[in-house]
Every structure is written in structure tokens, then in C-alpha cells.
C-alpha atoms as a PDB file:
ATOM      1  CA  MET A   1     -40.826   5.886 -29.430  1.00  0.00           C
ATOM      2  CA  GLU A   2     -38.824   7.724 -31.945  1.00  0.00           C
ATOM      3  CA  GLU A   3     -38.261  10.261 -29.404  1.00  0.00           C
ATOM      4  CA  ALA A   4     -36.937   7.581 -26.862  1.00  0.00           C
ATOM      5  CA  SER A   5     -34.645   6.115 -29.504  1.00  0.00           C
ATOM      6  CA  LYS A   6     -33.251   9.634 -30.174  1.00  0.00           C
ATOM      7  CA  ALA A   7     -32.644  10.368 -26.515  1.00  0.00           C
ATOM      8  CA  LYS A   8     -30.876   7.184 -26.311  1.00  0.00           C
ATOM      9  CA  LYS A   9     -28.557   8.145 -29.191  1.00  0.00           C
ATOM     10  CA  ALA A  10     -27.890  11.454 -27.767  1.00  0.00           C
ATOM     11  CA  LYS A  11     -27.071   9.970 -24.390  1.00  0.00           C
ATOM     12  CA  LYS A  12     -24.874   7.299 -25.966  1.00  0.00           C
ATOM     13  CA  GLY A  13     -22.552   9.938 -27.477  1.00  0.00           C
ATOM     14  CA  PHE A  14     -22.165  11.969 -24.166  1.00  0.00           C
ATOM     15  CA  MET A  15     -18.587  10.734 -23.414  1.00  0.00           C
ATOM     16  CA  THR A  16     -16.958  11.482 -26.645  1.00  0.00           C
ATOM     17  CA  PRO A  17     -13.145  10.720 -26.887  1.00  0.00           C
ATOM     18  CA  GLU A  18     -12.179  14.514 -26.406  1.00  0.00           C
ATOM     19  CA  ARG A  19     -14.330  14.555 -23.153  1.00  0.00           C
ATOM     20  CA  LYS A  20     -12.766  11.373 -21.888  1.00  0.00           C
ATOM     21  CA  LYS A  21      -9.368  12.815 -22.570  1.00  0.00           C
ATOM     22  CA  LYS A  22     -10.094  15.935 -20.761  1.00  0.00           C
ATOM     23  CA  LEU A  23     -11.612  14.012 -17.921  1.00  0.00           C
ATOM     24  CA  ARG A  24      -8.652  11.807 -17.515  1.00  0.00           C
ATOM     25  CA  LEU A  25      -6.198  14.727 -17.768  1.00  0.00           C
ATOM     26  CA  LEU A  26      -8.462  16.462 -14.930  1.00  0.00           C
ATOM     27  CA  LEU A  27      -8.292  13.262 -12.635  1.00  0.00           C
ATOM     28  CA  ARG A  28      -4.577  12.900 -13.241  1.00  0.00           C
ATOM     29  CA  LYS A  29      -4.153  16.598 -12.128  1.00  0.00           C
ATOM     30  CA  LYS A  30      -6.337  16.145  -9.259  1.00  0.00           C
ATOM     31  CA  ALA A  31      -4.372  12.948  -8.062  1.00  0.00           C
ATOM     32  CA  ALA A  32      -1.049  14.782  -8.477  1.00  0.00           C
ATOM     33  CA  GLU A  33      -2.290  17.648  -6.375  1.00  0.00           C
ATOM     34  CA  GLU A  34      -3.462  15.290  -3.689  1.00  0.00           C
ATOM     35  CA  LEU A  35      -0.135  13.207  -3.834  1.00  0.00           C
ATOM     36  CA  LYS A  36       1.808  16.573  -3.558  1.00  0.00           C
ATOM     37  CA  LYS A  37      -0.333  17.649  -0.532  1.00  0.00           C
ATOM     38  CA  GLU A  38       0.241  14.148   1.137  1.00  0.00           C
ATOM     39  CA  GLN A  39       3.912  14.373   0.669  1.00  0.00           C
ATOM     40  CA  GLU A  40       3.996  17.809   2.278  1.00  0.00           C
ATOM     41  CA  ARG A  41       2.035  16.876   4.904  1.00  0.00           C
ATOM     42  CA  LYS A  42       4.146  13.737   5.700  1.00  0.00           C
ATOM     43  CA  ALA A  43       7.425  15.879   5.296  1.00  0.00           C
ATOM     44  CA  ALA A  44       6.125  18.409   7.737  1.00  0.00           C
ATOM     45  CA  GLU A  45       5.223  15.630  10.112  1.00  0.00           C
ATOM     46  CA  ARG A  46       8.673  14.105   9.607  1.00  0.00           C
ATOM     47  CA  ARG A  47      10.384  17.423  10.403  1.00  0.00           C
ATOM     48  CA  ARG A  48       8.209  17.885  13.520  1.00  0.00           C
ATOM     49  CA  ILE A  49       9.115  14.436  14.940  1.00  0.00           C
ATOM     50  CA  ILE A  50      12.852  14.901  14.364  1.00  0.00           C
ATOM     51  CA  GLU A  51      12.704  18.266  16.072  1.00  0.00           C
ATOM     52  CA  GLU A  52      10.921  16.823  18.968  1.00  0.00           C
ATOM     53  CA  ARG A  53      13.336  13.930  19.243  1.00  0.00           C
ATOM     54  CA  CYS A  54      16.464  15.766  18.664  1.00  0.00           C
ATOM     55  CA  GLY A  55      15.817  19.417  19.765  1.00  0.00           C
ATOM     56  CA  LYS A  56      16.405  22.435  17.852  1.00  0.00           C
ATOM     57  CA  PRO A  57      19.794  22.477  16.057  1.00  0.00           C
ATOM     58  CA  LYS A  58      22.490  24.433  17.633  1.00  0.00           C
ATOM     59  CA  ASN A  59      24.389  27.135  15.738  1.00  0.00           C
ATOM     60  CA  ILE A  60      27.991  25.848  15.839  1.00  0.00           C
ATOM     61  CA  ASP A  61      29.331  28.115  12.886  1.00  0.00           C
ATOM     62  CA  ASP A  62      29.784  31.312  14.908  1.00  0.00           C
ATOM     63  CA  ALA A  63      30.395  29.595  18.296  1.00  0.00           C
ATOM     64  CA  ASN A  64      33.686  30.116  20.127  1.00  0.00           C
ATOM     65  CA  GLU A  65      35.464  27.504  22.029  1.00  0.00           C
ATOM     66  CA  VAL A  66      33.601  27.970  25.393  1.00  0.00           C
ATOM     67  CA  SER A  67      30.267  27.670  23.770  1.00  0.00           C
ATOM     68  CA  LEU A  68      31.328  24.847  21.703  1.00  0.00           C
ATOM     69  CA  THR A  69      32.424  22.910  24.816  1.00  0.00           C
ATOM     70  CA  SER A  70      29.210  23.595  26.434  1.00  0.00           C
ATOM     71  CA  ILE A  71      27.146  22.375  23.521  1.00  0.00           C
ATOM     72  CA  ILE A  72      29.307  19.138  23.366  1.00  0.00           C
ATOM     73  CA  THR A  73      28.957  18.657  27.137  1.00  0.00           C
ATOM     74  CA  GLY A  74      24.977  18.945  26.651  1.00  0.00           C
ATOM     75  CA  TYR A  75      25.124  16.527  23.865  1.00  0.00           C
ATOM     76  CA  HIS A  76      27.166  14.106  25.931  1.00  0.00           C
ATOM     77  CA  GLN A  77      24.869  14.433  28.762  1.00  0.00           C
ATOM     78  CA  ARG A  78      21.861  13.701  26.710  1.00  0.00           C
ATOM     79  CA  ILE A  79      23.432  10.755  25.055  1.00  0.00           C
ATOM     80  CA  THR A  80      24.476   9.221  28.426  1.00  0.00           C
ATOM     81  CA  LYS A  81      20.889   9.520  29.654  1.00  0.00           C
ATOM     82  CA  LEU A  82      19.445   7.996  26.463  1.00  0.00           C
ATOM     83  CA  GLU A  83      21.967   5.112  26.832  1.00  0.00           C
ATOM     84  CA  GLU A  84      20.990   4.483  30.531  1.00  0.00           C
ATOM     85  CA  GLU A  85      17.396   4.550  29.512  1.00  0.00           C
ATOM     86  CA  LYS A  86      17.959   2.150  26.734  1.00  0.00           C
ATOM     87  CA  TYR A  87      19.695  -0.406  29.081  1.00  0.00           C
ATOM     88  CA  ASP A  88      17.470   0.127  32.149  1.00  0.00           C
ATOM     89  CA  ARG A  89      14.562  -1.203  30.147  1.00  0.00           C
END
């Protein structure tokens, strides 16, 4: 019986305040990592959806007047098509 009471006392002191602090710290770190991974995954999904809906961005910095005109014409046609689809529904 004395051994059982000693074992209970030994088990009772298993989670010392230092161990609790370390455990909390580890749990916070793990939660922060998971949150960061989730945010990165959501950002990648958001970028993918935007790229899918809008297409790849055109380089207009180095474009001359003719290429700018063709880019703008393409955008105008796309907008017109989207507006027609919106009102056809």
C-alpha cells in the first residue's frame, strides 16, 4: 500500500509548472505553424482563382501603341461578352 501511495504522489507531480509552460509553448508554436500553412494555402487558392477568372496579366510597360491597342481591344471584347452573359441570364 505504501508503494501505491508513493506511485500516486509521483504521478501527481508529472505536470510541473515548467512542463506545463513548455507544453503550452509547443502547442502555440504548432497552432501558429498550422495557421500560417492554412493562410498560405488560402492565398495560393485565391491567386489561382483570380488568374483563372481574369487571365494572366499583360505586360503593358514595354508595349508599343499597336500592341496596347490590341490588348485594350481584347479587354473590351471580353467585357462585352461578360456583360452579354450577365444580362442573358
